[in-house]
């Protein structure tokens, strides 16, 4: 192989490596953006729920979450994506001190 061909192969390999690296970084950015968006939604829903719903005092969800009560007397928690998760009575327990 001539020096010119070696240069072409090297440039092609370098270009493919750079392309793969940029793709991986873009995926990392998408993942981070999704995490930030989920956290923002979670905080917004929890804030709105605290204002507009009753907090079930002395009780907590399956993993220590704050439990809210709707006007229809349904109990729910807010998950890490900002969505309401309605609970069965067996999933609610007294707060641990």
N, C-alpha and C. Protein backbone atom coordinates (compact mmCIF):
# COMPACT_ATOMS: atom_id res chain seq x y z
N UNK A 1 0.83 -1.18 0.00
CA UNK A 1 0.00 0.00 0.00
C UNK A 1 0.88 1.25 0.00
N UNK A 2 0.50 2.22 -0.78
CA UNK A 2 1.30 3.44 -0.86
C UNK A 2 0.96 4.36 0.31
N UNK A 3 1.80 5.37 0.48
CA UNK A 3 1.59 6.33 1.55
C UNK A 3 0.27 7.06 1.38
N UNK A 4 -0.11 7.35 0.16
CA UNK A 4 -1.38 8.04 -0.10
C UNK A 4 -2.56 7.17 0.36
N UNK A 5 -2.48 5.88 0.06
CA UNK A 5 -3.55 4.97 0.50
C UNK A 5 -3.60 4.84 2.02
N UNK A 6 -2.41 4.83 2.65
CA UNK A 6 -2.37 4.78 4.11
C UNK A 6 -3.05 6.01 4.70
N UNK A 7 -2.79 7.15 4.11
CA UNK A 7 -3.41 8.40 4.58
C UNK A 7 -4.92 8.34 4.43
N UNK A 8 -5.40 7.81 3.30
CA UNK A 8 -6.84 7.71 3.07
C UNK A 8 -7.49 6.79 4.10
N UNK A 9 -6.86 5.66 4.35
CA UNK A 9 -7.39 4.70 5.33
C UNK A 9 -7.39 5.33 6.72
N UNK A 10 -6.31 6.01 7.06
CA UNK A 10 -6.21 6.66 8.36
C UNK A 10 -7.30 7.72 8.51
N UNK A 11 -7.48 8.55 7.49
CA UNK A 11 -8.50 9.60 7.55
C UNK A 11 -9.90 9.01 7.64
N UNK A 12 -10.15 7.93 6.92
CA UNK A 12 -11.44 7.27 6.97
C UNK A 12 -11.70 6.72 8.38
N UNK A 13 -10.69 6.06 8.96
CA UNK A 13 -10.83 5.52 10.31
C UNK A 13 -11.03 6.64 11.33
N UNK A 14 -10.29 7.72 11.20
CA UNK A 14 -10.44 8.86 12.11
C UNK A 14 -11.82 9.47 11.99
N UNK A 15 -12.31 9.59 10.78
CA UNK A 15 -13.65 10.15 10.56
C UNK A 15 -14.73 9.28 11.17
N UNK A 16 -14.62 7.97 10.98
CA UNK A 16 -15.60 7.05 11.57
C UNK A 16 -15.54 7.09 13.09
N UNK A 17 -14.35 7.19 13.64
CA UNK A 17 -14.20 7.28 15.10
C UNK A 17 -14.83 8.56 15.64
N UNK A 18 -14.61 9.67 14.95
CA UNK A 18 -15.19 10.94 15.37
C UNK A 18 -16.71 10.90 15.28
N UNK A 19 -17.21 10.29 14.21
CA UNK A 19 -18.66 10.17 14.03
C UNK A 19 -19.27 9.34 15.16
N UNK A 20 -18.64 8.23 15.52
CA UNK A 20 -19.14 7.38 16.60
C UNK A 20 -19.10 8.11 17.94
N UNK A 21 -18.04 8.88 18.16
CA UNK A 21 -17.92 9.63 19.41
C UNK A 21 -19.00 10.69 19.51
N UNK A 22 -19.24 11.42 18.44
CA UNK A 22 -20.29 12.44 18.44
C UNK A 22 -21.66 11.82 18.66
N UNK A 23 -21.90 10.68 18.06
CA UNK A 23 -23.18 9.99 18.25
C UNK A 23 -23.39 9.60 19.70
N UNK A 24 -22.34 9.10 20.34
CA UNK A 24 -22.44 8.71 21.75
C UNK A 24 -22.67 9.93 22.63
N UNK A 25 -22.01 11.03 22.31
CA UNK A 25 -22.20 12.25 23.09
C UNK A 25 -23.61 12.79 22.91
N UNK A 26 -24.15 12.73 21.71
CA UNK A 26 -25.51 13.20 21.48
C UNK A 26 -26.51 12.37 22.26
N UNK A 27 -26.26 11.07 22.33
CA UNK A 27 -27.14 10.20 23.10
C UNK A 27 -27.07 10.55 24.58
N UNK A 28 -25.89 10.89 25.06
CA UNK A 28 -25.73 11.30 26.45
C UNK A 28 -26.47 12.59 26.73
N UNK A 29 -26.45 13.51 25.78
CA UNK A 29 -27.17 14.77 25.94
C UNK A 29 -28.66 14.52 25.98
N UNK A 30 -29.17 13.63 25.11
CA UNK A 30 -30.59 13.30 25.11
C UNK A 30 -31.00 12.70 26.44
N UNK A 31 -30.17 11.82 26.97
CA UNK A 31 -30.46 11.17 28.24
C UNK A 31 -30.50 12.20 29.37
N UNK A 32 -29.55 13.11 29.38
CA UNK A 32 -29.51 14.14 30.41
C UNK A 32 -30.71 15.07 30.29
N UNK A 33 -31.06 15.44 29.08
CA UNK A 33 -32.22 16.31 28.88
C UNK A 33 -33.50 15.63 29.35
N UNK A 34 -33.61 14.35 29.10
CA UNK A 34 -34.80 13.61 29.55
C UNK A 34 -34.86 13.57 31.08
N UNK A 35 -33.72 13.36 31.73
CA UNK A 35 -33.68 13.33 33.20
C UNK A 35 -34.07 14.69 33.77
N UNK A 36 -33.57 15.76 33.17
CA UNK A 36 -33.89 17.11 33.64
C UNK A 36 -35.38 17.39 33.44
N UNK A 37 -35.91 16.99 32.30
CA UNK A 37 -37.34 17.19 32.04
C UNK A 37 -38.21 16.43 33.01
N UNK A 38 -37.85 15.18 33.31
CA UNK A 38 -38.62 14.38 34.26
C UNK A 38 -38.59 15.00 35.66
N UNK A 39 -37.43 15.47 36.08
CA UNK A 39 -37.29 16.07 37.40
C UNK A 39 -38.11 17.36 37.47
N UNK A 40 -38.10 18.15 36.41
CA UNK A 40 -38.88 19.38 36.36
C UNK A 40 -40.37 19.07 36.46
N UNK A 41 -40.82 18.06 35.73
CA UNK A 41 -42.24 17.67 35.78
C UNK A 41 -42.61 17.17 37.17
N UNK A 42 -41.74 16.39 37.78
CA UNK A 42 -42.00 15.86 39.12
C UNK A 42 -42.17 17.00 40.12
N UNK A 43 -41.26 17.96 40.09
CA UNK A 43 -41.32 19.09 41.03
C UNK A 43 -42.56 19.93 40.78
N UNK A 44 -42.90 20.17 39.52
CA UNK A 44 -44.07 20.97 39.19
C UNK A 44 -45.36 20.31 39.66
N UNK A 45 -45.49 19.01 39.43
CA UNK A 45 -46.71 18.30 39.83
C UNK A 45 -46.80 18.24 41.36
N UNK A 46 -45.68 18.00 42.03
CA UNK A 46 -45.70 17.96 43.49
C UNK A 46 -46.09 19.33 44.06
N UNK A 47 -45.57 20.39 43.48
CA UNK A 47 -45.91 21.73 43.94
C UNK A 47 -47.38 22.04 43.72
N UNK A 48 -47.89 21.69 42.55
CA UNK A 48 -49.30 21.93 42.25
C UNK A 48 -50.20 21.07 43.12
N UNK A 49 -49.80 19.84 43.39
CA UNK A 49 -50.59 18.94 44.23
C UNK A 49 -50.63 19.43 45.67
N UNK A 50 -49.53 19.96 46.15
CA UNK A 50 -49.49 20.48 47.51
C UNK A 50 -50.44 21.64 47.67
N UNK A 51 -50.56 22.46 46.64
CA UNK A 51 -51.43 23.63 46.70
C UNK A 51 -52.90 23.23 46.51
N UNK A 52 -53.18 22.37 45.52
CA UNK A 52 -54.57 22.10 45.16
C UNK A 52 -55.17 20.85 45.81
N UNK A 53 -54.33 19.96 46.35
CA UNK A 53 -54.82 18.73 46.97
C UNK A 53 -54.46 18.73 48.46
N UNK A 54 -55.13 17.87 49.19
CA UNK A 54 -54.79 17.70 50.60
C UNK A 54 -53.63 16.73 50.72
N UNK A 55 -52.77 16.99 51.68
CA UNK A 55 -51.69 16.05 51.98
C UNK A 55 -52.20 15.12 53.08
N UNK A 56 -52.02 13.84 52.89
CA UNK A 56 -52.46 12.83 53.86
C UNK A 56 -51.47 12.85 55.01
N UNK A 57 -51.79 13.57 56.07
CA UNK A 57 -50.88 13.77 57.18
C UNK A 57 -50.68 12.47 57.97
N UNK A 58 -49.46 12.21 58.35
CA UNK A 58 -49.14 11.03 59.14
C UNK A 58 -49.05 9.74 58.33
N UNK A 59 -49.21 9.84 57.02
CA UNK A 59 -49.16 8.65 56.16
C UNK A 59 -48.12 8.86 55.08
N UNK A 60 -47.63 7.75 54.51
CA UNK A 60 -46.67 7.82 53.42
C UNK A 60 -46.90 6.66 52.46
N UNK A 61 -46.35 6.81 51.26
CA UNK A 61 -46.48 5.79 50.23
C UNK A 61 -45.56 4.61 50.48
N UNK A 62 -45.53 3.67 49.55
CA UNK A 62 -44.76 2.45 49.72
C UNK A 62 -43.26 2.66 49.96
N UNK A 63 -42.71 3.74 49.43
CA UNK A 63 -41.27 4.00 49.58
C UNK A 63 -41.02 5.32 50.30
N UNK A 64 -41.95 5.74 51.16
CA UNK A 64 -41.78 6.95 51.94
C UNK A 64 -42.22 8.23 51.24
N UNK A 65 -42.97 8.13 50.14
CA UNK A 65 -43.40 9.30 49.39
C UNK A 65 -44.56 10.01 50.11
N UNK A 66 -44.72 11.29 49.82
CA UNK A 66 -45.85 12.05 50.30
C UNK A 66 -47.11 11.56 49.59
N UNK A 67 -48.18 11.36 50.37
CA UNK A 67 -49.45 10.90 49.79
C UNK A 67 -50.40 12.09 49.74
N UNK A 68 -51.04 12.28 48.59
CA UNK A 68 -52.01 13.35 48.38
C UNK A 68 -53.40 12.75 48.26
N UNK A 69 -54.43 13.56 48.58
CA UNK A 69 -55.81 13.10 48.50
C UNK A 69 -56.56 14.02 47.54
N UNK A 70 -57.26 13.44 46.56
CA UNK A 70 -58.06 14.23 45.62
C UNK A 70 -59.39 14.58 46.26
N UNK A 71 -60.16 15.43 45.59
CA UNK A 71 -61.48 15.79 46.12
C UNK A 71 -62.43 14.60 46.08
N UNK A 72 -62.10 13.58 45.28
CA UNK A 72 -62.90 12.35 45.22
C UNK A 72 -62.43 11.33 46.25
N UNK A 73 -61.54 11.73 47.15
CA UNK A 73 -60.99 10.90 48.20
C UNK A 73 -60.10 9.77 47.67
N UNK A 74 -59.47 9.97 46.51
CA UNK A 74 -58.51 9.00 45.99
C UNK A 74 -57.13 9.42 46.47
N UNK A 75 -56.32 8.43 46.85
CA UNK A 75 -54.97 8.71 47.33
C UNK A 75 -53.96 8.42 46.23
N UNK A 76 -52.96 9.31 46.10
CA UNK A 76 -51.93 9.12 45.07
C UNK A 76 -50.60 9.68 45.52
N UNK A 77 -49.55 9.22 44.85
CA UNK A 77 -48.21 9.79 45.00
C UNK A 77 -47.80 10.32 43.62
N UNK A 78 -46.73 11.07 43.58
CA UNK A 78 -46.19 11.56 42.32
C UNK A 78 -44.90 10.80 42.06
N UNK A 79 -44.81 10.12 40.90
CA UNK A 79 -43.61 9.34 40.60
C UNK A 79 -42.48 10.23 40.10
N UNK A 80 -41.34 9.64 39.79
CA UNK A 80 -40.16 10.42 39.39
C UNK A 80 -40.27 11.01 37.99
N UNK A 81 -41.35 10.71 37.27
CA UNK A 81 -41.59 11.32 35.96
C UNK A 81 -42.69 12.37 36.03
N UNK A 82 -43.19 12.64 37.24
CA UNK A 82 -44.20 13.67 37.43
C UNK A 82 -45.62 13.18 37.19
N UNK A 83 -45.83 11.88 37.20
CA UNK A 83 -47.18 11.34 36.96
C UNK A 83 -47.79 10.89 38.28
N UNK A 84 -49.11 11.02 38.37
CA UNK A 84 -49.83 10.53 39.53
C UNK A 84 -49.91 9.01 39.49
N UNK A 85 -49.65 8.40 40.63
CA UNK A 85 -49.79 6.96 40.77
C UNK A 85 -50.78 6.74 41.91
N UNK A 86 -51.97 6.25 41.56
CA UNK A 86 -53.00 6.04 42.57
C UNK A 86 -52.69 4.80 43.38
N UNK A 87 -52.98 4.87 44.68
CA UNK A 87 -52.60 3.81 45.60
C UNK A 87 -53.80 3.02 46.11
N UNK A 88 -53.55 1.77 46.41
CA UNK A 88 -54.53 0.93 47.11
C UNK A 88 -54.34 1.21 48.60
N UNK A 89 -55.37 1.01 49.40
CA UNK A 89 -55.22 1.22 50.85
C UNK A 89 -54.07 0.42 51.46
N UNK A 90 -53.79 -0.75 50.91
CA UNK A 90 -52.71 -1.58 51.46
C UNK A 90 -51.32 -1.01 51.18
N UNK A 91 -51.21 -0.05 50.26
CA UNK A 91 -49.92 0.55 49.93
C UNK A 91 -49.60 1.76 50.79
N UNK A 92 -50.54 2.21 51.60
CA UNK A 92 -50.35 3.39 52.44
C UNK A 92 -50.10 2.92 53.87
N UNK A 93 -49.08 3.51 54.50
CA UNK A 93 -48.78 3.14 55.88
C UNK A 93 -48.42 4.37 56.68
N UNK A 94 -48.36 4.21 58.01
CA UNK A 94 -48.01 5.32 58.90
C UNK A 94 -46.57 5.76 58.65
N UNK A 95 -46.35 7.07 58.80
CA UNK A 95 -45.00 7.60 58.62
C UNK A 95 -44.08 7.06 59.70
N UNK A 96 -42.87 6.78 59.30
CA UNK A 96 -41.85 6.36 60.25
C UNK A 96 -41.14 7.60 60.77
N UNK A 97 -40.94 7.66 62.06
CA UNK A 97 -40.27 8.83 62.64
C UNK A 97 -38.79 8.78 62.51
